[in-house]
Amino acid sequence: MMARSLRVAPEYIEKVKSAPQRNGYPSQQSLATDIGFSLSTVKSFLTGKPIDYLNFVELSKKLALDWQDIAYKEPEMMIIGVRKDYDK
């Protein structure tokens, strides 16, 4: 099942924060206006706060970023201490 929201991984935040300028947007507001999102959504994306999955993908594409690379991956759940002979 896909996560309903995504956020930028901490190690990519600096790269993501500089992406609007690299892509010709003088301000976060100009990016928000161009893509049709609220300024708060753009700010959240650029600072690593969770936003809607589809918005994350669209903002990534608009800023020439690979959304799968920059998305924070939740650590895999680990099952510890499960034994095959548990019910014997």
C-alpha atoms as a PDB file:
ATOM      1  CA  MET A   1       0.000   0.000   0.000  1.00  0.00           C
ATOM      2  CA  MET A   2       1.321   3.441  -0.947  1.00  0.00           C
ATOM      3  CA  ALA A   3       1.822   6.093   1.685  1.00  0.00           C
ATOM      4  CA  ARG A   4      -0.709   8.892   1.460  1.00  0.00           C
ATOM      5  CA  SER A   5       1.921  11.523   2.122  1.00  0.00           C
ATOM      6  CA  LEU A   6       5.637  11.850   1.476  1.00  0.00           C
ATOM      7  CA  ARG A   7       8.393  14.090   2.736  1.00  0.00           C
ATOM      8  CA  VAL A   8      11.871  14.949   1.559  1.00  0.00           C
ATOM      9  CA  ALA A   9      14.570  12.886   3.260  1.00  0.00           C
ATOM     10  CA  PRO A  10      16.762  14.971   5.599  1.00  0.00           C
ATOM     11  CA  GLU A  11      19.885  14.391   3.507  1.00  0.00           C
ATOM     12  CA  TYR A  12      18.191  15.968   0.438  1.00  0.00           C
ATOM     13  CA  ILE A  13      16.655  19.070   2.032  1.00  0.00           C
ATOM     14  CA  GLU A  14      19.509  21.419   1.058  1.00  0.00           C
ATOM     15  CA  LYS A  15      19.387  20.203  -2.559  1.00  0.00           C
ATOM     16  CA  VAL A  16      15.600  20.573  -2.647  1.00  0.00           C
ATOM     17  CA  LYS A  17      15.682  24.061  -1.079  1.00  0.00           C
ATOM     18  CA  SER A  18      17.967  25.324  -3.855  1.00  0.00           C
ATOM     19  CA  ALA A  19      15.939  23.660  -6.653  1.00  0.00           C
ATOM     20  CA  PRO A  20      13.423  26.501  -7.247  1.00  0.00           C
ATOM     21  CA  GLN A  21      16.204  29.005  -8.062  1.00  0.00           C
ATOM     22  CA  ARG A  22      18.000  26.436 -10.246  1.00  0.00           C
ATOM     23  CA  ASN A  23      14.771  26.010 -12.204  1.00  0.00           C
ATOM     24  CA  GLY A  24      14.066  29.699 -12.755  1.00  0.00           C
ATOM     25  CA  TYR A  25      11.750  30.475  -9.835  1.00  0.00           C
ATOM     26  CA  PRO A  26      12.820  33.651  -8.019  1.00  0.00           C
ATOM     27  CA  SER A  27      10.627  32.823  -5.007  1.00  0.00           C
ATOM     28  CA  GLN A  28       8.632  30.051  -3.388  1.00  0.00           C
ATOM     29  CA  GLN A  29       5.494  32.057  -4.218  1.00  0.00           C
ATOM     30  CA  SER A  30       6.340  32.090  -7.946  1.00  0.00           C
ATOM     31  CA  LEU A  31       6.688  28.294  -7.863  1.00  0.00           C
ATOM     32  CA  ALA A  32       3.419  27.915  -5.938  1.00  0.00           C
ATOM     33  CA  THR A  33       1.588  30.158  -8.414  1.00  0.00           C
ATOM     34  CA  ASP A  34       3.018  28.357 -11.445  1.00  0.00           C
ATOM     35  CA  ILE A  35       2.157  24.866 -10.201  1.00  0.00           C
ATOM     36  CA  GLY A  36      -1.178  25.905  -8.664  1.00  0.00           C
ATOM     37  CA  PHE A  37      -0.415  24.845  -5.090  1.00  0.00           C
ATOM     38  CA  SER A  38      -0.659  26.872  -1.907  1.00  0.00           C
ATOM     39  CA  LEU A  39       2.487  28.547  -0.632  1.00  0.00           C
ATOM     40  CA  SER A  40       2.208  26.442   2.543  1.00  0.00           C
ATOM     41  CA  THR A  41       2.367  23.218   0.470  1.00  0.00           C
ATOM     42  CA  VAL A  42       5.494  24.439  -1.320  1.00  0.00           C
ATOM     43  CA  LYS A  43       7.107  25.534   1.976  1.00  0.00           C
ATOM     44  CA  SER A  44       6.319  22.155   3.562  1.00  0.00           C
ATOM     45  CA  PHE A  45       7.836  20.304   0.610  1.00  0.00           C
ATOM     46  CA  LEU A  46      11.014  22.413   0.693  1.00  0.00           C
ATOM     47  CA  THR A  47      11.499  21.954   4.438  1.00  0.00           C
ATOM     48  CA  GLY A  48      10.892  18.207   4.632  1.00  0.00           C
ATOM     49  CA  LYS A  49       7.395  18.229   6.098  1.00  0.00           C
ATOM     50  CA  PRO A  50       4.888  15.641   4.826  1.00  0.00           C
ATOM     51  CA  ILE A  51       2.671  16.634   1.905  1.00  0.00           C
ATOM     52  CA  ASP A  52       0.171  14.727  -0.222  1.00  0.00           C
ATOM     53  CA  TYR A  53       1.783  11.987  -2.306  1.00  0.00           C
ATOM     54  CA  LEU A  54       0.587  13.344  -5.681  1.00  0.00           C
ATOM     55  CA  ASN A  55       1.673  16.901  -4.820  1.00  0.00           C
ATOM     56  CA  PHE A  56       5.107  15.560  -3.821  1.00  0.00           C
ATOM     57  CA  VAL A  57       5.500  13.803  -7.168  1.00  0.00           C
ATOM     58  CA  GLU A  58       4.321  16.846  -9.140  1.00  0.00           C
ATOM     59  CA  LEU A  59       6.575  19.306  -7.283  1.00  0.00           C
ATOM     60  CA  SER A  60       9.537  16.961  -7.737  1.00  0.00           C
ATOM     61  CA  LYS A  61       8.938  16.773 -11.489  1.00  0.00           C
ATOM     62  CA  LYS A  62       8.502  20.551 -11.769  1.00  0.00           C
ATOM     63  CA  LEU A  63      11.867  21.026 -10.034  1.00  0.00           C
ATOM     64  CA  ALA A  64      13.664  18.322 -12.071  1.00  0.00           C
ATOM     65  CA  LEU A  65      14.111  16.116  -8.987  1.00  0.00           C
ATOM     66  CA  ASP A  66      13.655  12.348  -8.891  1.00  0.00           C
ATOM     67  CA  TRP A  67      10.868  11.970  -6.334  1.00  0.00           C
ATOM     68  CA  GLN A  68      11.833   8.373  -5.562  1.00  0.00           C
ATOM     69  CA  ASP A  69      15.399   9.424  -4.750  1.00  0.00           C
ATOM     70  CA  ILE A  70      14.497  12.343  -2.482  1.00  0.00           C
ATOM     71  CA  ALA A  71      11.541  10.758  -0.641  1.00  0.00           C
ATOM     72  CA  TYR A  72      12.116   9.733   2.952  1.00  0.00           C
ATOM     73  CA  LYS A  73      11.790   5.973   3.271  1.00  0.00           C
ATOM     74  CA  GLU A  74      10.303   4.729   6.496  1.00  0.00           C
ATOM     75  CA  PRO A  75      12.563   2.138   8.131  1.00  0.00           C
ATOM     76  CA  GLU A  76      11.331  -1.370   7.396  1.00  0.00           C
ATOM     77  CA  MET A  77       9.475  -2.985  10.249  1.00  0.00           C
ATOM     78  CA  MET A  78      11.530  -5.792  11.712  1.00  0.00           C
ATOM     79  CA  ILE A  79      10.099  -8.840  13.407  1.00  0.00           C
ATOM     80  CA  ILE A  80      12.462  -9.936  16.128  1.00  0.00           C
ATOM     81  CA  GLY A  81      12.421 -13.250  17.930  1.00  0.00           C
ATOM     82  CA  VAL A  82       9.974 -15.160  15.744  1.00  0.00           C
ATOM     83  CA  ARG A  83      10.790 -18.850  15.775  1.00  0.00           C
ATOM     84  CA  LYS A  84       9.400 -21.535  13.524  1.00  0.00           C
ATOM     85  CA  ASP A  85       8.889 -23.915  16.439  1.00  0.00           C
ATOM     86  CA  TYR A  86       6.978 -21.267  18.416  1.00  0.00           C
ATOM     87  CA  ASP A  87       3.810 -23.330  18.993  1.00  0.00           C
ATOM     88  CA  LYS A  88       5.471 -26.627  19.944  1.00  0.00           C
END
